[in-house]
């Protein structure tokens, strides 16, 4: 009996020591608290309360508890009260986050973000396994290799999806509008991120440049590509930022520099701490010829890409077309903590030259919404919330350098809105099951000598493709085929051309069925200067207002 009492005394003594150590640490950290400051005094009282709760749990709970887990959970619970971009890292997570920046890795080729409880695809990267297999922006990843990843962090999900090149991973997808869960067997490849994968002169004399993200080489790559395009004698330029998730702020500023010259304000940050309030100006004596520039954006354009597009709009150096951008305009800073832990904290927000804040607060609210986390809200309801938020944002008018009216408070609103056509269910199935890619491999074995750069898929080629699709258990009606025959021809053509002549030639063919790009090219065919394009954009806005009045 005496032995048991001694053992119990030691346990209680240990628990007491742990509790008082925690209190001691808290006292040490808050020894400089101003007692006259009621807020500081309240913080001390709450921290003392926290230590008491922890001490009593550790001492009295029916089962043995892990103090580290309790404290980590308490920290993560605290961060539930702030925005979703502020994140606490355990030592393993922090080490991976800090070192996982090699520029290439064995992966799938998708840009992801956590929306509610789901890891969601922001954009597939062109030319990667995920892109070829038909992974779409908006797809929610539910399982990896049969194991649920619902609720886990973005970094945890990345670690599960990445692996040795050549190995296979099974990805389960929940796709809006599709009832059953979709499965994709994907072979990992080395993913090398090229900032500007496509740059060429279009048939109508307009230059086209696709910027995938803003990395350390974007400015130098852009300069080289622009030099090449200008030598070819372009009469205008399309810069495609659709599904560009952002990247390095400095690169966004330096690329804007190419079009507006030195000493111009591009972006500034505002936060609660004085050191977070900064201005970023262009610094190079570089400015391109005054040819018209149109920037394409959509809901997948975020962060640095929004700064680029919004800045060209603010300085009246580019017409912005497409759809309203994502609205990621908050600044995060990484802080190392004791024992290898770390924390990423939102410290400020981005504002562009006109004074517009890029950040869309609704995105943060949706990420914290329990209905979104639990899947208890429909896509229609979310879209309605976004429409109302955009209407409210349009109450905040700002002005460009020339006095054109623009709107802010959540993403960049295009000067001219152009919607993108969507894939049919048959198109989704053909892409998802990799039908075009697999068929084109077999096709070239028998017909490679006959495939030239001007190849166009024939009716017979399409019929053979559809037979192959049926052999892969894809069912469809003839009416479905008829409704997308032009798309089928273009998609098959691009895959066969791409298999023989490479990714850039494949991409040129794909653009022929790109609704937003084709309508953007029509603007260049109608107008030769930015001033004319700005007038056209204003005319469209006025006509839209008149139509809305008539419908009231």
Protein backbone atom coordinates (compact mmCIF):
# COMPACT_ATOMS: atom_id res chain seq x y z
CA UNK A 1 0.00 0.00 0.00
CA UNK A 2 2.82 2.31 0.91
CA UNK A 3 4.51 1.58 -2.45
CA UNK A 4 1.32 2.50 -4.30
CA UNK A 5 1.03 5.77 -2.38
CA UNK A 6 4.63 6.65 -3.17
CA UNK A 7 4.00 5.92 -6.86
CA UNK A 8 0.86 8.07 -6.82
CA UNK A 9 2.73 10.86 -5.04
CA UNK A 10 5.40 10.80 -7.73
CA UNK A 11 2.76 11.03 -10.46
CA UNK A 12 1.04 13.95 -8.74
CA UNK A 13 4.37 15.60 -8.11
CA UNK A 14 5.33 15.22 -11.78
CA UNK A 15 2.00 16.65 -12.90
CA UNK A 16 2.44 19.57 -10.51
CA UNK A 17 5.93 20.24 -11.80
CA UNK A 18 4.69 20.21 -15.41
CA UNK A 19 1.86 22.57 -14.53
CA UNK A 20 4.12 25.01 -12.70
CA UNK A 21 6.72 24.85 -15.47
CA UNK A 22 4.00 25.92 -17.92
CA UNK A 23 2.90 28.72 -15.60
CA UNK A 24 6.52 29.74 -15.18
CA UNK A 25 7.03 29.91 -18.93
CA UNK A 26 3.89 32.01 -19.30
CA UNK A 27 5.05 34.33 -16.52
CA UNK A 28 8.45 34.66 -18.18
CA UNK A 29 6.94 35.54 -21.54
CA UNK A 30 4.56 38.09 -20.02
CA UNK A 31 6.82 39.59 -17.38
CA UNK A 32 6.70 42.92 -19.22
CA UNK A 33 2.90 43.06 -19.32
CA UNK A 34 1.61 46.52 -18.47
CA UNK A 35 -0.69 45.95 -15.50
CA UNK A 36 -2.49 49.20 -16.29
CA UNK A 37 -3.41 47.86 -19.72
CA UNK A 38 -6.67 45.97 -19.25
CA UNK A 39 -6.24 44.01 -22.50
CA UNK A 40 -2.76 42.81 -21.52
CA UNK A 41 -3.94 41.95 -18.03
CA UNK A 42 -6.82 39.94 -19.48
CA UNK A 43 -4.43 38.02 -21.75
CA UNK A 44 -2.38 37.05 -18.69
CA UNK A 45 -5.51 35.92 -16.85
CA UNK A 46 -6.63 33.79 -19.80
CA UNK A 47 -3.18 32.21 -20.18
CA UNK A 48 -3.20 31.39 -16.48
CA UNK A 49 -6.65 29.83 -16.94
CA UNK A 50 -5.34 27.78 -19.87
CA UNK A 51 -2.49 26.43 -17.77
CA UNK A 52 -4.94 25.49 -15.00
CA UNK A 53 -7.16 23.58 -17.44
CA UNK A 54 -4.15 21.78 -18.86
CA UNK A 55 -2.84 20.93 -15.39
CA UNK A 56 -6.21 19.54 -14.24
CA UNK A 57 -6.66 17.50 -17.41
CA UNK A 58 -3.17 16.06 -17.11
CA UNK A 59 -3.70 15.21 -13.44
CA UNK A 60 -7.30 13.98 -13.34
CA UNK A 61 -8.46 12.74 -16.75
CA UNK A 62 -9.50 9.07 -16.79
CA UNK A 63 -7.00 8.08 -19.51
CA UNK A 64 -3.38 9.02 -19.99
CA UNK A 65 -3.03 12.13 -22.16
CA UNK A 66 -0.22 13.36 -24.39
CA UNK A 67 0.53 16.94 -23.35
CA UNK A 68 2.13 17.76 -26.72
CA UNK A 69 -1.02 16.72 -28.57
CA UNK A 70 -3.19 18.74 -26.22
CA UNK A 71 -1.18 21.91 -26.71
CA UNK A 72 -0.95 21.45 -30.50
CA UNK A 73 -4.74 21.00 -30.61
CA UNK A 74 -5.24 24.10 -28.49
CA UNK A 75 -3.05 26.15 -30.84
CA UNK A 76 -4.86 24.89 -33.93
CA UNK A 77 -8.19 25.60 -32.25
CA UNK A 78 -7.04 29.16 -31.59
CA UNK A 79 -6.18 29.59 -35.27
CA UNK A 80 -9.72 28.56 -36.22
CA UNK A 81 -10.68 32.09 -35.15
CA UNK A 82 -8.47 33.77 -37.78
CA UNK A 83 -8.20 33.48 -41.57
CA UNK A 84 -7.46 30.11 -43.25
CA UNK A 85 -4.06 31.27 -44.50
CA UNK A 86 -2.67 31.56 -40.97
CA UNK A 87 -1.34 28.12 -40.14
CA UNK A 88 0.61 26.38 -37.34
CA UNK A 89 3.28 23.84 -38.32
CA UNK A 90 4.57 20.98 -36.21
CA UNK A 91 8.34 20.40 -36.62
CA UNK A 92 7.88 17.82 -39.41
CA UNK A 93 5.39 20.01 -41.26
CA UNK A 94 7.56 23.11 -40.87
CA UNK A 95 10.66 21.32 -42.10
CA UNK A 96 8.83 20.08 -45.20
CA UNK A 97 7.26 23.46 -45.88
CA UNK A 98 10.62 25.22 -45.56
CA UNK A 99 12.66 22.82 -47.68
CA UNK A 100 10.17 21.63 -50.32
CA UNK A 101 11.19 24.29 -52.86
CA UNK A 102 13.60 22.47 -55.17
CA UNK A 103 11.84 23.54 -58.36
CA UNK A 104 11.12 19.98 -59.48
CA UNK A 105 9.56 16.93 -57.86
CA UNK A 106 7.81 13.67 -58.58
CA UNK A 107 4.17 14.61 -58.67
CA UNK A 108 0.91 14.97 -60.59
CA UNK A 109 0.98 18.55 -61.82
CA UNK A 110 -1.84 20.32 -59.98
CA UNK A 111 -2.10 23.55 -58.04
CA UNK A 112 -4.31 22.95 -54.98
CA UNK A 113 -5.90 24.83 -52.10
CA UNK A 114 -8.00 23.77 -49.13
CA UNK A 115 -11.65 24.82 -49.48
CA UNK A 116 -13.65 23.79 -46.46
CA UNK A 117 -12.69 20.23 -45.59
CA UNK A 118 -11.66 19.39 -49.14
CA UNK A 119 -8.37 19.72 -50.96
CA UNK A 120 -9.53 21.37 -54.18
CA UNK A 121 -7.79 21.67 -57.54
CA UNK A 122 -7.17 25.34 -58.35
CA UNK A 123 -5.66 24.48 -61.72
CA UNK A 124 -4.02 21.55 -63.50
CA UNK A 125 -0.63 22.45 -64.99
CA UNK A 126 -0.44 22.08 -68.76
CA UNK A 127 1.59 19.15 -70.04
CA UNK A 128 1.59 17.24 -66.74
CA UNK A 129 0.03 13.83 -65.91
CA UNK A 130 -2.96 15.43 -64.15
CA UNK A 131 -3.64 17.72 -67.11
CA UNK A 132 -3.47 14.88 -69.64
CA UNK A 133 -5.79 12.72 -67.54
CA UNK A 134 -8.43 15.44 -67.42
CA UNK A 135 -8.24 16.70 -63.83
CA UNK A 136 -10.24 19.96 -63.73
CA UNK A 137 -10.14 23.17 -61.74
CA UNK A 138 -12.76 22.80 -58.99
CA UNK A 139 -12.32 19.04 -58.57
CA UNK A 140 -12.33 18.04 -54.89
CA UNK A 141 -9.87 15.31 -53.97
CA UNK A 142 -11.52 12.87 -51.57
CA UNK A 143 -9.05 9.97 -51.45
CA UNK A 144 -5.45 9.14 -52.27
CA UNK A 145 -4.74 5.44 -52.82
CA UNK A 146 -8.13 4.61 -51.33
CA UNK A 147 -7.55 6.53 -48.07
CA UNK A 148 -9.62 9.59 -47.25
CA UNK A 149 -7.83 12.95 -47.17
CA UNK A 150 -10.95 14.93 -46.24
CA UNK A 151 -10.07 17.34 -43.44
CA UNK A 152 -6.28 17.05 -43.67
CA UNK A 153 -3.98 19.99 -44.36
CA UNK A 154 -2.78 21.03 -47.80
CA UNK A 155 0.78 20.05 -46.93
CA UNK A 156 -0.27 16.61 -45.71
CA UNK A 157 -2.17 16.01 -48.93
CA UNK A 158 0.83 17.09 -51.01
CA UNK A 159 3.07 14.61 -49.18
CA UNK A 160 0.59 11.81 -49.98
CA UNK A 161 0.33 12.69 -53.68
CA UNK A 162 4.01 13.26 -54.36
CA UNK A 163 6.42 10.37 -54.69
CA UNK A 164 9.08 8.78 -56.83
CA UNK A 165 8.71 9.48 -60.57
CA UNK A 166 7.29 6.45 -62.37
CA UNK A 167 5.20 5.26 -59.43
CA UNK A 168 1.42 5.12 -59.62
CA UNK A 169 -1.10 6.88 -57.39
CA UNK A 170 -4.90 6.47 -57.35
CA UNK A 171 -6.77 9.77 -56.96
CA UNK A 172 -10.50 9.85 -56.13
CA UNK A 173 -12.33 13.00 -57.23
CA UNK A 174 -15.68 14.56 -56.36
CA UNK A 175 -16.64 16.73 -59.33
CA UNK A 176 -19.46 19.31 -59.19
CA UNK A 177 -22.38 18.12 -61.32
CA UNK A 178 -21.22 14.49 -61.38
CA UNK A 179 -23.00 12.15 -58.99
CA UNK A 180 -20.50 9.31 -58.71
CA UNK A 181 -16.96 9.63 -57.41
CA UNK A 182 -14.35 9.57 -60.19
CA UNK A 183 -11.08 7.65 -59.98
CA UNK A 184 -7.87 8.46 -61.84
CA UNK A 185 -4.80 6.22 -61.94
CA UNK A 186 -1.92 8.61 -62.52
CA UNK A 187 1.78 7.89 -63.05
CA UNK A 188 3.95 10.43 -61.23
CA UNK A 189 6.46 12.39 -63.28
CA UNK A 190 9.16 14.96 -62.60
CA UNK A 191 7.23 18.22 -62.53
CA UNK A 192 9.28 21.13 -63.80
CA UNK A 193 7.47 24.41 -63.58
CA UNK A 194 8.13 26.60 -66.63
CA UNK A 195 6.86 30.09 -65.98
CA UNK A 196 6.11 30.89 -69.65
CA UNK A 197 5.41 27.59 -71.42
CA UNK A 198 3.88 29.13 -74.55
CA UNK A 199 4.82 32.22 -76.52
CA UNK A 200 4.20 32.63 -80.26
CA UNK A 201 2.70 34.85 -82.95
CA UNK A 202 -0.90 34.06 -83.87
CA UNK A 203 -2.21 33.97 -87.44
CA UNK A 204 -3.71 37.47 -87.15
CA UNK A 205 -0.36 39.04 -86.20
CA UNK A 206 -1.05 39.22 -82.46
CA UNK A 207 1.52 37.88 -80.00
CA UNK A 208 0.34 35.32 -77.45
CA UNK A 209 2.08 34.67 -74.12
CA UNK A 210 0.92 32.27 -71.43
CA UNK A 211 2.34 32.97 -67.95
CA UNK A 212 1.68 29.94 -65.77
CA UNK A 213 3.05 31.39 -62.53
CA UNK A 214 5.45 34.07 -61.32
CA UNK A 215 8.68 32.35 -60.31
CA UNK A 216 12.30 33.50 -60.07
CA UNK A 217 12.79 33.37 -63.85
CA UNK A 218 9.59 35.04 -65.03
CA UNK A 219 10.99 38.52 -65.74
CA UNK A 220 14.03 37.28 -67.67
CA UNK A 221 11.86 34.77 -69.56
CA UNK A 222 9.33 37.46 -70.43
CA UNK A 223 12.03 39.78 -71.73
CA UNK A 224 13.43 37.09 -74.00
CA UNK A 225 9.98 36.09 -75.27
CA UNK A 226 8.93 39.71 -75.87
CA UNK A 227 12.14 40.40 -77.78
CA UNK A 228 11.41 37.42 -80.03
CA UNK A 229 7.78 38.42 -80.59
CA UNK A 230 8.68 42.05 -81.33
CA UNK A 231 11.29 40.94 -83.85
CA UNK A 232 8.50 39.03 -85.62
CA UNK A 233 6.53 42.28 -85.89
CA UNK A 234 3.49 41.76 -83.63
CA UNK A 235 0.74 44.40 -83.73
CA UNK A 236 -0.55 43.60 -80.26
CA UNK A 237 -0.10 41.18 -77.36
CA UNK A 238 -2.33 38.79 -75.40
CA UNK A 239 -1.01 37.84 -71.96
CA UNK A 240 -2.89 34.81 -70.66
CA UNK A 241 -3.04 34.64 -66.84
CA UNK A 242 -5.95 32.24 -66.55
CA UNK A 243 -5.44 29.72 -63.73
CA UNK A 244 -2.20 31.47 -62.76
CA UNK A 245 -2.08 30.99 -58.96
CA UNK A 246 0.50 33.76 -58.43
CA UNK A 247 4.01 33.40 -57.07
CA UNK A 248 6.76 35.91 -56.32
CA UNK A 249 5.66 39.50 -55.73
CA UNK A 250 8.92 40.99 -57.02
CA UNK A 251 8.56 39.15 -60.32
CA UNK A 252 5.03 40.50 -60.76
CA UNK A 253 6.35 44.04 -60.19
CA UNK A 254 9.29 43.59 -62.56
CA UNK A 255 7.08 42.22 -65.33
CA UNK A 256 4.70 45.17 -64.95
CA UNK A 257 7.85 47.35 -65.23
CA UNK A 258 8.25 46.14 -68.84
CA UNK A 259 5.08 48.00 -69.82
CA UNK A 260 4.96 51.13 -67.63
CA UNK A 261 8.62 52.09 -67.04
CA UNK A 262 10.57 53.15 -63.95
CA UNK A 263 9.40 54.79 -60.72
CA UNK A 264 5.73 53.82 -60.91
CA UNK A 265 3.77 52.55 -57.91
CA UNK A 266 2.52 49.02 -58.53
CA UNK A 267 1.35 47.75 -55.16
CA UNK A 268 1.40 48.64 -51.48
CA UNK A 269 0.65 46.65 -48.34
CA UNK A 270 -1.25 47.71 -45.24
CA UNK A 271 -1.37 45.85 -41.94
CA UNK A 272 -1.73 46.52 -38.24
CA UNK A 273 2.00 46.52 -37.50
CA UNK A 274 3.82 49.60 -38.92
CA UNK A 275 6.57 47.46 -40.49
CA UNK A 276 4.01 45.76 -42.73
CA UNK A 277 3.09 49.01 -44.48
CA UNK A 278 5.25 49.11 -47.59
CA UNK A 279 5.20 50.50 -51.13
CA UNK A 280 6.60 48.69 -54.19
CA UNK A 281 7.66 50.75 -57.21
CA UNK A 282 9.13 49.75 -60.55
CA UNK A 283 12.92 50.17 -60.66
CA UNK A 284 14.18 49.52 -64.21
CA UNK A 285 14.61 51.93 -67.11
CA UNK A 286 12.69 49.55 -69.37
CA UNK A 287 9.47 50.09 -71.25
CA UNK A 288 8.06 48.25 -74.26
CA UNK A 289 6.64 49.75 -77.44
CA UNK A 290 3.13 51.12 -77.09
CA UNK A 291 1.33 48.24 -78.80
CA UNK A 292 -2.06 47.29 -77.28
CA UNK A 293 -2.03 44.61 -74.58
CA UNK A 294 -4.98 42.48 -73.52
CA UNK A 295 -4.71 40.42 -70.33
CA UNK A 296 -6.88 37.31 -69.96
CA UNK A 297 -7.95 36.37 -66.41
CA UNK A 298 -10.50 34.06 -64.76
CA UNK A 299 -11.51 32.76 -61.34
CA UNK A 300 -8.25 30.79 -61.10
CA UNK A 301 -6.06 33.90 -61.48
CA UNK A 302 -4.77 34.76 -58.02
CA UNK A 303 -2.26 36.75 -55.98
CA UNK A 304 0.70 37.95 -58.09
CA UNK A 305 -1.26 37.45 -61.32
CA UNK A 306 -3.98 39.74 -59.95
CA UNK A 307 -1.35 42.35 -59.08
CA UNK A 308 -0.02 42.17 -62.65
CA UNK A 309 -3.46 42.40 -64.30
CA UNK A 310 -4.76 45.08 -61.93
CA UNK A 311 -1.62 47.18 -62.33
CA UNK A 312 -1.80 47.19 -66.13
CA UNK A 313 -5.46 48.16 -65.73
CA UNK A 314 -4.64 50.93 -63.22
CA UNK A 315 -1.93 52.39 -65.46
CA UNK A 316 -4.18 52.06 -68.56
CA UNK A 317 -1.57 49.91 -70.23
CA UNK A 318 -3.76 46.88 -70.81
CA UNK A 319 -7.39 45.89 -71.37
CA UNK A 320 -8.50 43.16 -68.94
CA UNK A 321 -10.90 40.55 -70.31
CA UNK A 322 -12.35 37.25 -69.09
CA UNK A 323 -13.90 36.69 -65.67
CA UNK A 324 -13.34 38.19 -62.21
CA UNK A 325 -10.15 36.86 -60.61
CA UNK A 326 -9.94 34.81 -57.42
CA UNK A 327 -9.22 37.53 -54.86
CA UNK A 328 -6.12 36.33 -52.97
CA UNK A 329 -4.63 39.57 -51.74
CA UNK A 330 -3.32 38.82 -48.28
CA UNK A 331 0.34 38.74 -47.24
CA UNK A 332 1.73 35.85 -45.19
CA UNK A 333 5.00 35.77 -43.27
CA UNK A 334 6.66 32.65 -41.91
CA UNK A 335 7.86 32.71 -38.28
CA UNK A 336 10.05 29.91 -36.81
CA UNK A 337 9.10 28.92 -33.26
CA UNK A 338 10.83 26.95 -30.54
CA UNK A 339 11.57 23.22 -30.86
CA UNK A 340 11.34 23.30 -34.67
CA UNK A 341 7.72 24.44 -34.84
CA UNK A 342 6.61 27.31 -37.04
CA UNK A 343 3.69 29.55 -37.88
CA UNK A 344 2.56 31.29 -41.06
CA UNK A 345 0.67 34.49 -40.21
CA UNK A 346 -1.33 36.85 -42.39
CA UNK A 347 0.30 40.21 -41.67
CA UNK A 348 -1.11 42.58 -44.30
CA UNK A 349 -3.21 42.96 -47.45
CA UNK A 350 -2.28 44.02 -50.97
CA UNK A 351 -3.57 47.22 -52.55
CA UNK A 352 -2.79 48.25 -56.10
CA UNK A 353 -2.07 51.75 -57.37
CA UNK A 354 -5.73 52.88 -57.65
CA UNK A 355 -6.25 51.98 -53.98
CA UNK A 356 -8.18 48.77 -54.67
CA UNK A 357 -7.72 45.89 -52.25
CA UNK A 358 -7.36 42.65 -54.17
CA UNK A 359 -8.47 40.39 -51.32
CA UNK A 360 -11.95 38.84 -51.43
CA UNK A 361 -13.06 38.33 -47.83
CA UNK A 362 -15.84 35.97 -48.92
CA UNK A 363 -13.23 33.33 -49.84
CA UNK A 364 -11.98 33.27 -46.26
CA UNK A 365 -15.52 33.10 -44.90
CA UNK A 366 -16.39 30.17 -47.14
CA UNK A 367 -13.28 28.29 -46.02
CA UNK A 368 -14.43 28.69 -42.40
CA UNK A 369 -18.13 28.02 -43.06
CA UNK A 370 -19.26 24.79 -41.35
CA UNK A 371 -21.83 24.19 -44.09
CA UNK A 372 -19.05 24.16 -46.68
CA UNK A 373 -16.91 21.89 -44.50
CA UNK A 374 -19.76 19.44 -44.08
CA UNK A 375 -20.95 19.63 -47.70
CA UNK A 376 -24.31 21.05 -46.58
CA UNK A 377 -24.36 23.91 -49.06
CA UNK A 378 -25.00 23.69 -52.80
CA UNK A 379 -22.83 25.13 -55.55
CA UNK A 380 -25.78 27.32 -56.54
CA UNK A 381 -25.90 28.86 -53.04
CA UNK A 382 -22.17 29.55 -53.12
CA UNK A 383 -22.44 31.16 -56.56
CA UNK A 384 -25.30 33.33 -55.29
CA UNK A 385 -23.15 34.46 -52.35
CA UNK A 386 -20.33 35.33 -54.76
CA UNK A 387 -22.67 37.32 -57.00
CA UNK A 388 -23.94 39.33 -54.01
CA UNK A 389 -20.36 39.94 -52.84
CA UNK A 390 -19.38 41.14 -56.32
CA UNK A 391 -22.39 43.47 -56.41
CA UNK A 392 -21.34 44.93 -53.07
CA UNK A 393 -17.75 45.28 -54.25
CA UNK A 394 -18.99 47.25 -57.24
CA UNK A 395 -20.27 49.89 -54.85
CA UNK A 396 -16.61 50.80 -54.30
CA UNK A 397 -15.49 52.78 -57.35
CA UNK A 398 -11.85 53.64 -58.03
CA UNK A 399 -10.12 55.33 -60.94
CA UNK A 400 -7.24 54.44 -63.24
CA UNK A 401 -4.43 56.83 -64.16
CA UNK A 402 -6.54 58.16 -67.07
CA UNK A 403 -9.70 58.43 -64.95
CA UNK A 404 -11.45 55.24 -66.10
CA UNK A 405 -13.77 53.83 -63.43
CA UNK A 406 -12.81 50.42 -61.99
CA UNK A 407 -14.10 48.42 -59.05
CA UNK A 408 -12.39 46.80 -56.08
CA UNK A 409 -12.77 44.83 -52.92
CA UNK A 410 -12.44 41.28 -54.17
CA UNK A 411 -10.39 40.26 -57.15
CA UNK A 412 -9.86 42.14 -60.41
CA UNK A 413 -13.02 42.87 -62.38
CA UNK A 414 -12.39 42.64 -66.15
CA UNK A 415 -13.07 45.60 -68.43
CA UNK A 416 -14.93 43.19 -70.72
CA UNK A 417 -16.46 40.01 -69.33
CA UNK A 418 -16.17 36.91 -71.53
CA UNK A 419 -17.38 33.52 -70.35
CA UNK A 420 -15.69 30.25 -71.28
CA UNK A 421 -17.66 27.41 -72.88
CA UNK A 422 -17.90 24.26 -70.75
CA UNK A 423 -17.26 20.63 -71.60
CA UNK A 424 -20.22 18.29 -72.08
CA UNK A 425 -20.52 15.11 -70.01
CA UNK A 426 -19.18 13.10 -72.95
CA UNK A 427 -16.22 15.44 -73.25
CA UNK A 428 -15.53 15.05 -69.53
CA UNK A 429 -15.58 11.24 -69.80
CA UNK A 430 -13.30 11.19 -72.85
CA UNK A 431 -10.77 13.38 -71.07
CA UNK A 432 -11.08 11.61 -67.73
CA UNK A 433 -10.36 8.20 -69.25
CA UNK A 434 -7.49 9.58 -71.33
CA UNK A 435 -9.16 8.46 -74.57
CA UNK A 436 -7.58 11.09 -76.83
CA UNK A 437 -4.08 10.51 -75.53
CA UNK A 438 -4.28 6.72 -75.69
CA UNK A 439 -5.89 6.68 -79.13
CA UNK A 440 -3.33 9.12 -80.57
CA UNK A 441 -0.50 6.84 -79.43
CA UNK A 442 -1.97 3.92 -81.40
CA UNK A 443 -2.87 6.17 -84.35
CA UNK A 444 0.68 7.37 -84.86
CA UNK A 445 2.05 3.83 -84.95
CA UNK A 446 0.16 3.27 -88.21
CA UNK A 447 -0.06 6.81 -89.66
CA UNK A 448 2.96 8.80 -88.47
CA UNK A 449 4.33 9.37 -91.98
CA UNK A 450 1.04 10.94 -93.06
CA UNK A 451 0.81 13.35 -90.11
CA UNK A 452 2.10 16.84 -90.96
CA UNK A 453 1.68 20.16 -89.15
CA UNK A 454 -1.43 20.91 -91.22
CA UNK A 455 -3.09 17.60 -90.28
CA UNK A 456 -6.79 17.82 -89.37
CA UNK A 457 -8.70 14.82 -87.99
CA UNK A 458 -11.12 13.42 -90.56
CA UNK A 459 -14.65 12.07 -90.00
CA UNK A 460 -13.22 8.56 -90.25
CA UNK A 461 -10.60 9.39 -87.60
CA UNK A 462 -13.34 10.63 -85.26
CA UNK A 463 -15.48 7.54 -85.88
CA UNK A 464 -12.49 5.31 -85.05
CA UNK A 465 -11.88 7.35 -81.91
CA UNK A 466 -15.49 6.82 -80.80
CA UNK A 467 -15.21 3.06 -81.42
CA UNK A 468 -12.14 3.06 -79.21
CA UNK A 469 -14.08 5.02 -76.56
CA UNK A 470 -16.85 2.40 -76.56
CA UNK A 471 -14.25 -0.35 -76.09
CA UNK A 472 -13.19 1.56 -72.97
CA UNK A 473 -16.77 1.43 -71.58
CA UNK A 474 -17.83 4.97 -72.48
CA UNK A 475 -21.51 5.04 -73.48
CA UNK A 476 -23.06 7.89 -75.47
CA UNK A 477 -25.87 8.78 -77.86
CA UNK A 478 -25.34 10.05 -81.41
CA UNK A 479 -26.97 13.35 -80.50
CA UNK A 480 -24.19 13.92 -77.94
CA UNK A 481 -21.55 13.30 -80.59
CA UNK A 482 -23.21 15.67 -83.06
CA UNK A 483 -23.34 18.47 -80.50
CA UNK A 484 -19.55 18.42 -79.96
CA UNK A 485 -18.23 17.18 -83.30
CA UNK A 486 -16.10 20.28 -83.92
CA UNK A 487 -14.64 19.98 -80.44
CA UNK A 488 -13.91 16.28 -81.01
CA UNK A 489 -12.12 17.09 -84.26
CA UNK A 490 -10.04 19.82 -82.67
CA UNK A 491 -9.19 17.76 -79.55
CA UNK A 492 -8.15 14.72 -81.59
CA UNK A 493 -6.15 16.88 -83.98
CA UNK A 494 -4.31 18.57 -81.11
CA UNK A 495 -3.43 15.25 -79.47
CA UNK A 496 -2.07 13.70 -82.67
CA UNK A 497 -0.17 16.87 -83.61
CA UNK A 498 1.18 17.06 -80.06
CA UNK A 499 2.34 13.46 -80.04
CA UNK A 500 4.45 14.07 -83.15
CA UNK A 501 5.46 17.74 -82.98
CA UNK A 502 5.43 18.54 -79.27
CA UNK A 503 3.44 20.37 -76.62
CA UNK A 504 3.61 23.87 -78.13
CA UNK A 505 2.12 22.75 -81.46
CA UNK A 506 -0.59 20.81 -79.59
CA UNK A 507 -1.43 23.92 -77.59
CA UNK A 508 -1.76 26.09 -80.73
CA UNK A 509 -4.45 23.74 -82.02
CA UNK A 510 -6.30 23.70 -78.67
CA UNK A 511 -6.58 27.50 -78.74
CA UNK A 512 -8.83 27.26 -81.81
CA UNK A 513 -11.64 25.98 -79.55
CA UNK A 514 -10.86 28.41 -76.71
CA UNK A 515 -13.96 30.66 -76.57
CA UNK A 516 -12.37 33.38 -74.45
CA UNK A 517 -9.24 33.59 -76.59
CA UNK A 518 -11.13 33.61 -79.87
CA UNK A 519 -13.36 36.48 -78.69
CA UNK A 520 -10.28 38.31 -77.44
CA UNK A 521 -8.72 38.02 -80.91
CA UNK A 522 -11.89 39.53 -82.37
CA UNK A 523 -11.28 42.67 -80.27
CA UNK A 524 -7.88 43.08 -81.96
CA UNK A 525 -9.56 42.61 -85.36
CA UNK A 526 -11.99 45.46 -84.58
CA UNK A 527 -9.64 47.94 -82.91
CA UNK A 528 -5.97 48.85 -83.32
CA UNK A 529 -5.38 51.00 -80.20
CA UNK A 530 -6.01 50.65 -76.48
CA UNK A 531 -7.99 53.91 -76.46
CA UNK A 532 -10.48 52.42 -78.93
CA UNK A 533 -10.66 49.23 -76.84
CA UNK A 534 -11.34 51.23 -73.67
CA UNK A 535 -14.17 53.07 -75.44
CA UNK A 536 -15.58 49.75 -76.64
CA UNK A 537 -15.46 48.36 -73.08
CA UNK A 538 -17.31 51.41 -71.77
CA UNK A 539 -19.92 51.04 -74.50
CA UNK A 540 -20.52 47.40 -73.48
CA UNK A 541 -20.95 48.45 -69.83
CA UNK A 542 -23.44 51.17 -70.76
CA UNK A 543 -25.45 48.77 -72.95
CA UNK A 544 -25.54 46.25 -70.11
CA UNK A 545 -26.85 48.90 -67.70
CA UNK A 546 -29.58 49.84 -70.18
CA UNK A 547 -30.61 46.19 -70.55
CA UNK A 548 -30.79 45.79 -66.76
CA UNK A 549 -33.02 48.89 -66.52
CA UNK A 550 -35.34 47.56 -69.22
CA UNK A 551 -35.65 44.22 -67.42
CA UNK A 552 -36.58 45.80 -64.08
